[in-house]
Amino acid sequence: MAAISALPMELRAEAIHAILSDMLKDLPAESILRMREEVRQQLDDDIPIIRSALELIEGQLALREIAASAHWR
């Protein structure tokens, strides 16, 4: 996270999304659901990066639902 803080503001969101995206691919759905709930409870989704992160989480959950038991990666 220190490396992200050192980036210019306009690149921080992209870096956070890249890290989150990679992490979401490897987490079990239950962990993603818990993460989503924690973000909703602890952070303000009026902040654009938070809203965007929640959208990324929702997208990952939707992909898994569509793929069901298929190997989706």
Protein backbone atom coordinates (compact mmCIF):
# COMPACT_ATOMS: atom_id res chain seq x y z
CA MET A 1 0.00 0.00 0.00
CA ALA A 2 2.92 2.36 0.57
CA ALA A 3 3.84 2.00 -3.09
CA ILE A 4 0.30 2.99 -4.10
CA SER A 5 0.44 6.02 -1.83
CA ALA A 6 3.58 7.14 -3.63
CA LEU A 7 1.79 7.17 -6.99
CA PRO A 8 0.23 10.32 -8.40
CA MET A 9 -3.42 10.59 -7.38
CA GLU A 10 -4.71 9.88 -10.90
CA LEU A 11 -2.90 6.50 -10.96
CA ARG A 12 -3.89 5.30 -7.50
CA ALA A 13 -7.38 4.10 -8.44
CA GLU A 14 -5.99 2.10 -11.35
CA ALA A 15 -3.38 0.47 -9.11
CA ILE A 16 -5.94 -0.38 -6.45
CA HIS A 17 -8.22 -1.90 -9.07
CA ALA A 18 -5.40 -4.00 -10.50
CA ILE A 19 -4.54 -5.42 -7.08
CA LEU A 20 -8.18 -5.99 -6.15
CA SER A 21 -8.96 -7.61 -9.48
CA ASP A 22 -6.12 -10.11 -9.17
CA MET A 23 -7.03 -10.89 -5.59
CA LEU A 24 -10.73 -11.43 -6.34
CA LYS A 25 -9.95 -14.07 -8.96
CA ASP A 26 -8.34 -16.29 -6.33
CA LEU A 27 -10.69 -15.81 -3.39
CA PRO A 28 -13.58 -18.15 -2.65
CA ALA A 29 -17.02 -16.59 -3.14
CA GLU A 30 -17.69 -16.58 0.61
CA SER A 31 -14.61 -14.44 1.19
CA ILE A 32 -15.67 -12.02 -1.52
CA LEU A 33 -19.13 -11.73 0.04
CA ARG A 34 -17.56 -10.98 3.45
CA MET A 35 -15.22 -8.43 1.87
CA ARG A 36 -18.13 -6.70 0.15
CA GLU A 37 -20.06 -6.49 3.41
CA GLU A 38 -17.06 -5.10 5.29
CA VAL A 39 -16.46 -2.46 2.63
CA ARG A 40 -20.13 -1.45 2.73
CA GLN A 41 -20.15 -1.22 6.52
CA GLN A 42 -16.83 0.54 7.03
CA LEU A 43 -16.37 2.79 4.01
CA ASP A 44 -18.39 5.52 2.35
CA ASP A 45 -19.56 4.38 -1.08
CA ASP A 46 -20.03 8.02 -2.11
CA ILE A 47 -16.26 8.10 -2.55
CA PRO A 48 -15.60 7.23 -6.21
CA ILE A 49 -12.81 4.70 -5.58
CA ILE A 50 -14.94 2.88 -3.00
CA ARG A 51 -17.94 2.82 -5.31
CA SER A 52 -15.74 1.56 -8.13
CA ALA A 53 -14.22 -1.16 -5.94
CA LEU A 54 -17.71 -2.32 -4.96
CA GLU A 55 -18.66 -2.46 -8.62
CA LEU A 56 -15.59 -4.59 -9.30
CA ILE A 57 -16.59 -6.93 -6.47
CA GLU A 58 -20.17 -7.13 -7.78
CA GLY A 59 -18.87 -7.90 -11.26
CA GLN A 60 -16.75 -10.76 -9.97
CA LEU A 61 -19.72 -12.19 -8.07
CA ALA A 62 -21.90 -11.89 -11.18
CA LEU A 63 -19.31 -13.70 -13.31
CA ARG A 64 -19.23 -16.55 -10.83
CA GLU A 65 -23.00 -16.78 -10.75
CA ILE A 66 -23.16 -16.90 -14.55
CA ALA A 67 -20.42 -19.54 -14.73
CA ALA A 68 -21.97 -21.60 -11.91
CA SER A 69 -19.85 -24.73 -11.57
CA ALA A 70 -17.98 -24.23 -14.84
CA HIS A 71 -14.27 -23.51 -14.78
CA TRP A 72 -14.50 -19.73 -15.33
CA ARG A 73 -10.85 -18.62 -15.24
